[in-house]
Amino acid sequence: MSLSKSASADGTTLTIQIKGKFDFNLVQSFRQAYAGINDTTVRVVVDLRETDYMDSSALGMLLNMKKTLGTSVNAIHISNCQPQLKKILQISRFDKKFDID
């Protein structure tokens, strides 16, 4: 279980990649990943390509990020979801709040 972040070359996109379990153990590092967001960042991507588990605390972290960032970013994308994670997000109606692919 780990988290890494990277910015695009032009600084407009922040990507947060989660490997393994996305659960309560990542609360602090997930918050820190987007806490220092700058004015040039207009898009945040949460990459779940290597995430194999997500619980309710992960859903709360995503909602908290959306609330914290507010209108400072144009879009928050949840990308590369495994089928079981995509189903959790859809059941939780996160497809109404986030762009999911």
PDB file of N, CA and C in Angstrom:
ATOM      1  N   MET A   1       0.844  -1.165   0.000  1.00  0.00           N
ATOM      2  CA  MET A   1       0.000   0.000   0.000  1.00  0.00           C
ATOM      3  C   MET A   1       0.892   1.231   0.000  1.00  0.00           C
ATOM      4  N   SER A   2       0.760   2.029  -1.056  1.00  0.00           N
ATOM      5  CA  SER A   2       1.545   3.248  -1.115  1.00  0.00           C
ATOM      6  C   SER A   2       0.837   4.279  -1.970  1.00  0.00           C
ATOM      7  N   LEU A   3       1.295   5.487  -1.849  1.00  0.00           N
ATOM      8  CA  LEU A   3       0.717   6.599  -2.581  1.00  0.00           C
ATOM      9  C   LEU A   3       1.853   7.423  -3.161  1.00  0.00           C
ATOM     10  N   SER A   4       1.691   7.838  -4.411  1.00  0.00           N
ATOM     11  CA  SER A   4       2.676   8.735  -5.014  1.00  0.00           C
ATOM     12  C   SER A   4       1.927   9.814  -5.767  1.00  0.00           C
ATOM     13  N   LYS A   5       2.585  10.941  -5.926  1.00  0.00           N
ATOM     14  CA  LYS A   5       1.957  12.031  -6.677  1.00  0.00           C
ATOM     15  C   LYS A   5       2.951  12.586  -7.670  1.00  0.00           C
ATOM     16  N   SER A   6       2.404  13.131  -8.747  1.00  0.00           N
ATOM     17  CA  SER A   6       3.256  13.750  -9.755  1.00  0.00           C
ATOM     18  C   SER A   6       2.458  14.846 -10.445  1.00  0.00           C
ATOM     19  N   ALA A   7       3.180  15.828 -10.947  1.00  0.00           N
ATOM     20  CA  ALA A   7       2.556  16.926 -11.676  1.00  0.00           C
ATOM     21  C   ALA A   7       2.944  16.824 -13.138  1.00  0.00           C
ATOM     22  N   SER A   8       2.036  17.267 -14.004  1.00  0.00           N
ATOM     23  CA  SER A   8       2.348  17.274 -15.434  1.00  0.00           C
ATOM     24  C   SER A   8       3.438  18.304 -15.700  1.00  0.00           C
ATOM     25  N   ALA A   9       4.066  18.222 -16.849  1.00  0.00           N
ATOM     26  CA  ALA A   9       5.167  19.116 -17.198  1.00  0.00           C
ATOM     27  C   ALA A   9       4.743  20.583 -17.133  1.00  0.00           C
ATOM     28  N   ASP A  10       3.513  20.875 -17.559  1.00  0.00           N
ATOM     29  CA  ASP A  10       3.045  22.273 -17.534  1.00  0.00           C
ATOM     30  C   ASP A  10       2.408  22.656 -16.207  1.00  0.00           C
ATOM     31  N   GLY A  11       2.306  21.700 -15.279  1.00  0.00           N
ATOM     32  CA  GLY A  11       1.796  21.996 -13.946  1.00  0.00           C
ATOM     33  C   GLY A  11       0.281  22.096 -13.844  1.00  0.00           C
ATOM     34  N   THR A  12      -0.442  21.777 -14.902  1.00  0.00           N
ATOM     35  CA  THR A  12      -1.898  21.916 -14.861  1.00  0.00           C
ATOM     36  C   THR A  12      -2.610  20.692 -14.304  1.00  0.00           C
ATOM     37  N   THR A  13      -1.919  19.552 -14.251  1.00  0.00           N
ATOM     38  CA  THR A  13      -2.549  18.323 -13.773  1.00  0.00           C
ATOM     39  C   THR A  13      -1.726  17.694 -12.655  1.00  0.00           C
ATOM     40  N   LEU A  14      -2.402  17.388 -11.554  1.00  0.00           N
ATOM     41  CA  LEU A  14      -1.801  16.659 -10.440  1.00  0.00           C
ATOM     42  C   LEU A  14      -2.349  15.242 -10.490  1.00  0.00           C
ATOM     43  N   THR A  15      -1.461  14.252 -10.511  1.00  0.00           N
ATOM     44  CA  THR A  15      -1.883  12.854 -10.508  1.00  0.00           C
ATOM     45  C   THR A  15      -1.481  12.220  -9.183  1.00  0.00           C
ATOM     46  N   ILE A  16      -2.471  11.596  -8.537  1.00  0.00           N
ATOM     47  CA  ILE A  16      -2.236  10.866  -7.295  1.00  0.00           C
ATOM     48  C   ILE A  16      -2.470   9.398  -7.609  1.00  0.00           C
ATOM     49  N   GLN A  17      -1.438   8.585  -7.446  1.00  0.00           N
ATOM     50  CA  GLN A  17      -1.541   7.165  -7.770  1.00  0.00           C
ATOM     51  C   GLN A  17      -1.514   6.354  -6.482  1.00  0.00           C
ATOM     52  N   ILE A  18      -2.470   5.441  -6.364  1.00  0.00           N
ATOM     53  CA  ILE A  18      -2.581   4.623  -5.170  1.00  0.00           C
ATOM     54  C   ILE A  18      -2.324   3.166  -5.545  1.00  0.00           C
ATOM     55  N   LYS A  19      -1.416   2.537  -4.809  1.00  0.00           N
ATOM     56  CA  LYS A  19      -1.072   1.138  -5.062  1.00  0.00           C
ATOM     57  C   LYS A  19      -1.500   0.299  -3.864  1.00  0.00           C
ATOM     58  N   GLY A  20      -2.156  -0.810  -4.138  1.00  0.00           N
ATOM     59  CA  GLY A  20      -2.589  -1.704  -3.067  1.00  0.00           C
ATOM     60  C   GLY A  20      -3.928  -1.286  -2.497  1.00  0.00           C
ATOM     61  N   LYS A  21      -3.998  -1.158  -1.178  1.00  0.00           N
ATOM     62  CA  LYS A  21      -5.252  -0.837  -0.506  1.00  0.00           C
ATOM     63  C   LYS A  21      -5.424   0.671  -0.342  1.00  0.00           C
ATOM     64  N   PHE A  22      -6.621   1.144  -0.673  1.00  0.00           N
ATOM     65  CA  PHE A  22      -7.001   2.548  -0.466  1.00  0.00           C
ATOM     66  C   PHE A  22      -7.937   2.539   0.740  1.00  0.00           C
ATOM     67  N   ASP A  23      -7.346   2.743   1.924  1.00  0.00           N
ATOM     68  CA  ASP A  23      -8.132   2.688   3.150  1.00  0.00           C
ATOM     69  C   ASP A  23      -7.638   3.737   4.144  1.00  0.00           C
ATOM     70  N   PHE A  24      -8.124   3.617   5.380  1.00  0.00           N
ATOM     71  CA  PHE A  24      -7.849   4.626   6.408  1.00  0.00           C
ATOM     72  C   PHE A  24      -6.363   4.867   6.646  1.00  0.00           C
ATOM     73  N   ASN A  25      -5.531   3.903   6.369  1.00  0.00           N
ATOM     74  CA  ASN A  25      -4.084   4.063   6.580  1.00  0.00           C
ATOM     75  C   ASN A  25      -3.481   5.147   5.699  1.00  0.00           C
ATOM     76  N   LEU A  26      -4.184   5.541   4.642  1.00  0.00           N
ATOM     77  CA  LEU A  26      -3.666   6.557   3.723  1.00  0.00           C
ATOM     78  C   LEU A  26      -4.219   7.961   3.976  1.00  0.00           C
ATOM     79  N   VAL A  27      -4.983   8.144   5.046  1.00  0.00           N
ATOM     80  CA  VAL A  27      -5.634   9.443   5.281  1.00  0.00           C
ATOM     81  C   VAL A  27      -4.633  10.596   5.229  1.00  0.00           C
ATOM     82  N   GLN A  28      -3.588  10.531   6.014  1.00  0.00           N
ATOM     83  CA  GLN A  28      -2.632  11.653   6.087  1.00  0.00           C
ATOM     84  C   GLN A  28      -1.896  11.865   4.773  1.00  0.00           C
ATOM     85  N   SER A  29      -1.376  10.799   4.182  1.00  0.00           N
ATOM     86  CA  SER A  29      -0.605  10.963   2.949  1.00  0.00           C
ATOM     87  C   SER A  29      -1.501  11.405   1.790  1.00  0.00           C
ATOM     88  N   PHE A  30      -2.760  10.946   1.765  1.00  0.00           N
ATOM     89  CA  PHE A  30      -3.671  11.380   0.704  1.00  0.00           C
ATOM     90  C   PHE A  30      -3.961  12.875   0.843  1.00  0.00           C
ATOM     91  N   ARG A  31      -4.209  13.316   2.057  1.00  0.00           N
ATOM     92  CA  ARG A  31      -4.486  14.732   2.301  1.00  0.00           C
ATOM     93  C   ARG A  31      -3.262  15.584   1.926  1.00  0.00           C
ATOM     94  N   GLN A  32      -2.089  15.123   2.296  1.00  0.00           N
ATOM     95  CA  GLN A  32      -0.866  15.866   1.979  1.00  0.00           C
ATOM     96  C   GLN A  32      -0.608  15.922   0.478  1.00  0.00           C
ATOM     97  N   ALA A  33      -1.060  14.915  -0.255  1.00  0.00           N
ATOM     98  CA  ALA A  33      -0.813  14.854  -1.696  1.00  0.00           C
ATOM     99  C   ALA A  33      -1.463  16.015  -2.433  1.00  0.00           C
ATOM    100  N   TYR A  34      -2.633  16.466  -1.969  1.00  0.00           N
ATOM    101  CA  TYR A  34      -3.294  17.582  -2.648  1.00  0.00           C
ATOM    102  C   TYR A  34      -3.282  18.876  -1.844  1.00  0.00           C
ATOM    103  N   ALA A  35      -2.739  18.850  -0.637  1.00  0.00           N
ATOM    104  CA  ALA A  35      -2.749  20.036   0.227  1.00  0.00           C
ATOM    105  C   ALA A  35      -1.961  21.204  -0.365  1.00  0.00           C
ATOM    106  N   GLY A  36      -0.854  20.929  -1.002  1.00  0.00           N
ATOM    107  CA  GLY A  36      -0.007  22.004  -1.517  1.00  0.00           C
ATOM    108  C   GLY A  36      -0.297  22.367  -2.955  1.00  0.00           C
ATOM    109  N   ILE A  37      -1.525  22.170  -3.388  1.00  0.00           N
ATOM    110  CA  ILE A  37      -1.878  22.421  -4.786  1.00  0.00           C
ATOM    111  C   ILE A  37      -1.701  23.904  -5.113  1.00  0.00           C
ATOM    112  N   ASN A  38      -1.165  24.181  -6.293  1.00  0.00           N
ATOM    113  CA  ASN A  38      -0.913  25.581  -6.642  1.00  0.00           C
ATOM    114  C   ASN A  38      -1.977  26.111  -7.605  1.00  0.00           C
ATOM    115  N   ASP A  39      -1.887  27.391  -7.914  1.00  0.00           N
ATOM    116  CA  ASP A  39      -2.911  28.052  -8.745  1.00  0.00           C
ATOM    117  C   ASP A  39      -2.936  27.575 -10.184  1.00  0.00           C
ATOM    118  N   THR A  40      -1.843  27.018 -10.673  1.00  0.00           N
ATOM    119  CA  THR A  40      -1.816  26.578 -12.075  1.00  0.00           C
ATOM    120  C   THR A  40      -2.476  25.216 -12.275  1.00  0.00           C
ATOM    121  N   THR A  41      -2.678  24.465 -11.196  1.00  0.00           N
ATOM    122  CA  THR A  41      -3.291  23.144 -11.300  1.00  0.00           C
ATOM    123  C   THR A  41      -4.800  23.284 -11.462  1.00  0.00           C
ATOM    124  N   VAL A  42      -5.313  22.770 -12.579  1.00  0.00           N
ATOM    125  CA  VAL A  42      -6.749  22.867 -12.857  1.00  0.00           C
ATOM    126  C   VAL A  42      -7.425  21.506 -12.884  1.00  0.00           C
ATOM    127  N   ARG A  43      -6.631  20.434 -12.783  1.00  0.00           N
ATOM    128  CA  ARG A  43      -7.184  19.081 -12.901  1.00  0.00           C
ATOM    129  C   ARG A  43      -6.441  18.159 -11.941  1.00  0.00           C
ATOM    130  N   VAL A  44      -7.200  17.330 -11.250  1.00  0.00           N
ATOM    131  CA  VAL A  44      -6.616  16.323 -10.367  1.00  0.00           C
ATOM    132  C   VAL A  44      -7.071  14.955 -10.863  1.00  0.00           C
ATOM    133  N   VAL A  45      -6.121  14.031 -10.999  1.00  0.00           N
ATOM    134  CA  VAL A  45      -6.421  12.668 -11.425  1.00  0.00           C
ATOM    135  C   VAL A  45      -6.033  11.730 -10.282  1.00  0.00           C
ATOM    136  N   VAL A  46      -6.990  10.915  -9.850  1.00  0.00           N
ATOM    137  CA  VAL A  46      -6.715   9.873  -8.870  1.00  0.00           C
ATOM    138  C   VAL A  46      -6.634   8.574  -9.666  1.00  0.00           C
ATOM    139  N   ASP A  47      -5.426   8.053  -9.800  1.00  0.00           N
ATOM    140  CA  ASP A  47      -5.170   6.868 -10.625  1.00  0.00           C
ATOM    141  C   ASP A  47      -5.256   5.608  -9.758  1.00  0.00           C
ATOM    142  N   LEU A  48      -6.269   4.776 -10.051  1.00  0.00           N
ATOM    143  CA  LEU A  48      -6.480   3.554  -9.275  1.00  0.00           C
ATOM    144  C   LEU A  48      -6.054   2.298 -10.028  1.00  0.00           C
ATOM    145  N   ARG A  49      -5.168   2.463 -10.987  1.00  0.00           N
ATOM    146  CA  ARG A  49      -4.691   1.348 -11.812  1.00  0.00           C
ATOM    147  C   ARG A  49      -4.170   0.184 -10.980  1.00  0.00           C
ATOM    148  N   GLU A  50      -3.433   0.481  -9.930  1.00  0.00           N
ATOM    149  CA  GLU A  50      -2.823  -0.573  -9.119  1.00  0.00           C
ATOM    150  C   GLU A  50      -3.485  -0.714  -7.752  1.00  0.00           C
ATOM    151  N   THR A  51      -4.728  -0.242  -7.666  1.00  0.00           N
ATOM    152  CA  THR A  51      -5.473  -0.333  -6.412  1.00  0.00           C
ATOM    153  C   THR A  51      -6.372  -1.559  -6.469  1.00  0.00           C
ATOM    154  N   ASP A  52      -6.264  -2.413  -5.451  1.00  0.00           N
ATOM    155  CA  ASP A  52      -7.069  -3.630  -5.470  1.00  0.00           C
ATOM    156  C   ASP A  52      -8.144  -3.668  -4.391  1.00  0.00           C
ATOM    157  N   TYR A  53      -8.197  -2.644  -3.535  1.00  0.00           N
ATOM    158  CA  TYR A  53      -9.172  -2.620  -2.448  1.00  0.00           C
ATOM    159  C   TYR A  53      -9.491  -1.186  -2.087  1.00  0.00           C
ATOM    160  N   MET A  54     -10.764  -0.924  -1.792  1.00  0.00           N
ATOM    161  CA  MET A  54     -11.189   0.410  -1.389  1.00  0.00           C
ATOM    162  C   MET A  54     -12.303   0.231  -0.360  1.00  0.00           C
ATOM    163  N   ASP A  55     -12.244   0.985   0.731  1.00  0.00           N
ATOM    164  CA  ASP A  55     -13.316   0.898   1.717  1.00  0.00           C
ATOM    165  C   ASP A  55     -14.016   2.246   1.873  1.00  0.00           C
ATOM    166  N   SER A  56     -14.922   2.324   2.832  1.00  0.00           N
ATOM    167  CA  SER A  56     -15.718   3.548   2.991  1.00  0.00           C
ATOM    168  C   SER A  56     -14.864   4.755   3.372  1.00  0.00           C
ATOM    169  N   SER A  57     -13.747   4.539   4.054  1.00  0.00           N
ATOM    170  CA  SER A  57     -12.889   5.674   4.398  1.00  0.00           C
ATOM    171  C   SER A  57     -12.262   6.281   3.142  1.00  0.00           C
ATOM    172  N   ALA A  58     -12.007   5.454   2.120  1.00  0.00           N
ATOM    173  CA  ALA A  58     -11.493   5.967   0.844  1.00  0.00           C
ATOM    174  C   ALA A  58     -12.534   6.848   0.177  1.00  0.00           C
ATOM    175  N   LEU A  59     -13.786   6.437   0.235  1.00  0.00           N
ATOM    176  CA  LEU A  59     -14.861   7.264  -0.326  1.00  0.00           C
ATOM    177  C   LEU A  59     -14.925   8.606   0.405  1.00  0.00           C
ATOM    178  N   GLY A  60     -14.784   8.559   1.718  1.00  0.00           N
ATOM    179  CA  GLY A  60     -14.778   9.793   2.506  1.00  0.00           C
ATOM    180  C   GLY A  60     -13.605  10.688   2.153  1.00  0.00           C
ATOM    181  N   MET A  61     -12.450  10.092   1.912  1.00  0.00           N
ATOM    182  CA  MET A  61     -11.267  10.886   1.541  1.00  0.00           C
ATOM    183  C   MET A  61     -11.481  11.586   0.200  1.00  0.00           C
ATOM    184  N   LEU A  62     -12.111  10.884  -0.742  1.00  0.00           N
ATOM    185  CA  LEU A  62     -12.390  11.487  -2.048  1.00  0.00           C
ATOM    186  C   LEU A  62     -13.365  12.659  -1.905  1.00  0.00           C
ATOM    187  N   LEU A  63     -14.398  12.474  -1.105  1.00  0.00           N
ATOM    188  CA  LEU A  63     -15.362  13.559  -0.881  1.00  0.00           C
ATOM    189  C   LEU A  63     -14.713  14.742  -0.179  1.00  0.00           C
ATOM    190  N   ASN A  64     -13.862  14.446   0.791  1.00  0.00           N
ATOM    191  CA  ASN A  64     -13.172  15.514   1.518  1.00  0.00           C
ATOM    192  C   ASN A  64     -12.251  16.295   0.587  1.00  0.00           C
ATOM    193  N   MET A  65     -11.574  15.594  -0.326  1.00  0.00           N
ATOM    194  CA  MET A  65     -10.714  16.272  -1.296  1.00  0.00           C
ATOM    195  C   MET A  65     -11.547  17.197  -2.178  1.00  0.00           C
ATOM    196  N   LYS A  66     -12.687  16.710  -2.640  1.00  0.00           N
ATOM    197  CA  LYS A  66     -13.556  17.528  -3.496  1.00  0.00           C
ATOM    198  C   LYS A  66     -14.013  18.779  -2.749  1.00  0.00           C
ATOM    199  N   LYS A  67     -14.384  18.599  -1.490  1.00  0.00           N
ATOM    200  CA  LYS A  67     -14.840  19.728  -0.679  1.00  0.00           C
ATOM    201  C   LYS A  67     -13.698  20.719  -0.431  1.00  0.00           C
ATOM    202  N   THR A  68     -12.524  20.211  -0.120  1.00  0.00           N
ATOM    203  CA  THR A  68     -11.367  21.061   0.175  1.00  0.00           C
ATOM    204  C   THR A  68     -10.928  21.858  -1.050  1.00  0.00           C
ATOM    205  N   LEU A  69     -10.853  21.192  -2.198  1.00  0.00           N
ATOM    206  CA  LEU A  69     -10.391  21.865  -3.411  1.00  0.00           C
ATOM    207  C   LEU A  69     -11.454  22.790  -3.989  1.00  0.00           C
ATOM    208  N   GLY A  70     -12.715  22.475  -3.753  1.00  0.00           N
ATOM    209  CA  GLY A  70     -13.811  23.333  -4.188  1.00  0.00           C
ATOM    210  C   GLY A  70     -13.704  23.741  -5.638  1.00  0.00           C
ATOM    211  N   THR A  71     -13.714  25.025  -5.877  1.00  0.00           N
ATOM    212  CA  THR A  71     -13.668  25.552  -7.242  1.00  0.00           C
ATOM    213  C   THR A  71     -12.249  25.868  -7.697  1.00  0.00           C
ATOM    214  N   SER A  72     -11.239  25.521  -6.894  1.00  0.00           N
ATOM    215  CA  SER A  72      -9.864  25.830  -7.298  1.00  0.00           C
ATOM    216  C   SER A  72      -9.383  24.934  -8.440  1.00  0.00           C
ATOM    217  N   VAL A  73     -10.063  23.799  -8.657  1.00  0.00           N
ATOM    218  CA  VAL A  73      -9.766  22.937  -9.801  1.00  0.00           C
ATOM    219  C   VAL A  73     -11.034  22.771 -10.633  1.00  0.00           C
ATOM    220  N   ASN A  74     -10.857  22.593 -11.931  1.00  0.00           N
ATOM    221  CA  ASN A  74     -12.000  22.423 -12.827  1.00  0.00           C
ATOM    222  C   ASN A  74     -12.585  21.030 -12.770  1.00  0.00           C
ATOM    223  N   ALA A  75     -11.731  20.020 -12.575  1.00  0.00           N
ATOM    224  CA  ALA A  75     -12.211  18.645 -12.617  1.00  0.00           C
ATOM    225  C   ALA A  75     -11.362  17.735 -11.742  1.00  0.00           C
ATOM    226  N   ILE A  76     -12.036  16.729 -11.181  1.00  0.00           N
ATOM    227  CA  ILE A  76     -11.353  15.653 -10.470  1.00  0.00           C
ATOM    228  C   ILE A  76     -11.746  14.370 -11.176  1.00  0.00           C
ATOM    229  N   HIS A  77     -10.754  13.661 -11.705  1.00  0.00           N
ATOM    230  CA  HIS A  77     -10.982  12.427 -12.444  1.00  0.00           C
ATOM    231  C   HIS A  77     -10.513  11.248 -11.604  1.00  0.00           C
ATOM    232  N   ILE A  78     -11.317  10.197 -11.582  1.00  0.00           N
ATOM    233  CA  ILE A  78     -10.907   8.933 -10.989  1.00  0.00           C
ATOM    234  C   ILE A  78     -10.691   7.998 -12.168  1.00  0.00           C
ATOM    235  N   SER A  79      -9.456   7.591 -12.377  1.00  0.00           N
ATOM    236  CA  SER A  79      -9.145   6.866 -13.606  1.00  0.00           C
ATOM    237  C   SER A  79      -8.601   5.469 -13.351  1.00  0.00           C
ATOM    238  N   ASN A  80      -8.692   4.649 -14.400  1.00  0.00           N
ATOM    239  CA  ASN A  80      -8.140   3.290 -14.424  1.00  0.00           C
ATOM    240  C   ASN A  80      -8.666   2.392 -13.309  1.00  0.00           C
ATOM    241  N   CYS A  81      -9.970   2.478 -13.059  1.00  0.00           N
ATOM    242  CA  CYS A  81     -10.583   1.668 -11.999  1.00  0.00           C
ATOM    243  C   CYS A  81     -10.673   0.205 -12.395  1.00  0.00           C
ATOM    244  N   GLN A  82     -10.363  -0.661 -11.454  1.00  0.00           N
ATOM    245  CA  GLN A  82     -10.649  -2.080 -11.613  1.00  0.00           C
ATOM    246  C   GLN A  82     -12.169  -2.230 -11.587  1.00  0.00           C
ATOM    247  N   PRO A  83     -12.722  -3.259 -12.236  1.00  0.00           N
ATOM    248  CA  PRO A  83     -14.188  -3.414 -12.285  1.00  0.00           C
ATOM    249  C   PRO A  83     -14.871  -3.396 -10.914  1.00  0.00           C
ATOM    250  N   GLN A  84     -14.261  -4.059  -9.910  1.00  0.00           N
ATOM    251  CA  GLN A  84     -14.892  -4.100  -8.593  1.00  0.00           C
ATOM    252  C   GLN A  84     -14.895  -2.717  -7.927  1.00  0.00           C
ATOM    253  N   LEU A  85     -13.872  -1.912  -8.174  1.00  0.00           N
ATOM    254  CA  LEU A  85     -13.827  -0.562  -7.606  1.00  0.00           C
ATOM    255  C   LEU A  85     -14.814   0.353  -8.324  1.00  0.00           C
ATOM    256  N   LYS A  86     -14.904   0.195  -9.625  1.00  0.00           N
ATOM    257  CA  LYS A  86     -15.850   1.004 -10.398  1.00  0.00           C
ATOM    258  C   LYS A  86     -17.278   0.741  -9.924  1.00  0.00           C
ATOM    259  N   LYS A  87     -17.566  -0.513  -9.601  1.00  0.00           N
ATOM    260  CA  LYS A  87     -18.895  -0.866  -9.116  1.00  0.00           C
ATOM    261  C   LYS A  87     -19.177  -0.197  -7.774  1.00  0.00           C
ATOM    262  N   ILE A  88     -18.203  -0.188  -6.883  1.00  0.00           N
ATOM    263  CA  ILE A  88     -18.358   0.487  -5.584  1.00  0.00           C
ATOM    264  C   ILE A  88     -18.647   1.972  -5.803  1.00  0.00           C
ATOM    265  N   LEU A  89     -17.893   2.598  -6.697  1.00  0.00           N
ATOM    266  CA  LEU A  89     -18.078   4.029  -6.970  1.00  0.00           C
ATOM    267  C   LEU A  89     -19.450   4.306  -7.577  1.00  0.00           C
ATOM    268  N   GLN A  90     -19.908   3.444  -8.451  1.00  0.00           N
ATOM    269  CA  GLN A  90     -21.219   3.642  -9.070  1.00  0.00           C
ATOM    270  C   GLN A  90     -22.349   3.419  -8.069  1.00  0.00           C
ATOM    271  N   ILE A  91     -22.251   2.392  -7.253  1.00  0.00           N
ATOM    272  CA  ILE A  91     -23.267   2.144  -6.224  1.00  0.00           C
ATOM    273  C   ILE A  91     -23.345   3.320  -5.259  1.00  0.00           C
ATOM    274  N   SER A  92     -22.206   3.916  -4.962  1.00  0.00           N
ATOM    275  CA  SER A  92     -22.139   5.066  -4.055  1.00  0.00           C
ATOM    276  C   SER A  92     -22.494   6.377  -4.752  1.00  0.00           C
ATOM    277  N   ARG A  93     -22.805   6.301  -6.034  1.00  0.00           N
ATOM    278  CA  ARG A  93     -23.211   7.449  -6.853  1.00  0.00           C
ATOM    279  C   ARG A  93     -22.090   8.484  -7.024  1.00  0.00           C
ATOM    280  N   PHE A  94     -20.857   8.023  -6.956  1.00  0.00           N
ATOM    281  CA  PHE A  94     -19.723   8.920  -7.163  1.00  0.00           C
ATOM    282  C   PHE A  94     -19.606   9.346  -8.622  1.00  0.00           C
ATOM    283  N   ASP A  95     -20.259   8.614  -9.522  1.00  0.00           N
ATOM    284  CA  ASP A  95     -20.233   9.009 -10.929  1.00  0.00           C
ATOM    285  C   ASP A  95     -20.987  10.318 -11.154  1.00  0.00           C
ATOM    286  N   LYS A  96     -21.758  10.766 -10.159  1.00  0.00           N
ATOM    287  CA  LYS A  96     -22.462  12.053 -10.243  1.00  0.00           C
ATOM    288  C   LYS A  96     -21.581  13.208  -9.766  1.00  0.00           C
ATOM    289  N   LYS A  97     -20.555  12.903  -8.990  1.00  0.00           N
ATOM    290  CA  LYS A  97     -19.680  13.926  -8.408  1.00  0.00           C
ATOM    291  C   LYS A  97     -18.306  14.001  -9.048  1.00  0.00           C
ATOM    292  N   PHE A  98     -17.861  12.873  -9.639  1.00  0.00           N
ATOM    293  CA  PHE A  98     -16.523  12.787 -10.226  1.00  0.00           C
ATOM    294  C   PHE A  98     -16.618  12.242 -11.638  1.00  0.00           C
ATOM    295  N   ASP A  99     -15.599  12.546 -12.429  1.00  0.00           N
ATOM    296  CA  ASP A  99     -15.463  11.912 -13.738  1.00  0.00           C
ATOM    297  C   ASP A  99     -14.741  10.591 -13.504  1.00  0.00           C
ATOM    298  N   ILE A 100     -15.378   9.485 -13.870  1.00  0.00           N
ATOM    299  CA  ILE A 100     -14.799   8.164 -13.628  1.00  0.00           C
ATOM    300  C   ILE A 100     -14.598   7.460 -14.957  1.00  0.00           C
ATOM    301  N   ASP A 101     -13.381   6.969 -15.184  1.00  0.00           N
ATOM    302  CA  ASP A 101     -13.123   6.157 -16.386  1.00  0.00           C
ATOM    303  C   ASP A 101     -12.225   4.988 -16.061  1.00  0.00           C
TER     304      ASP A 101
END
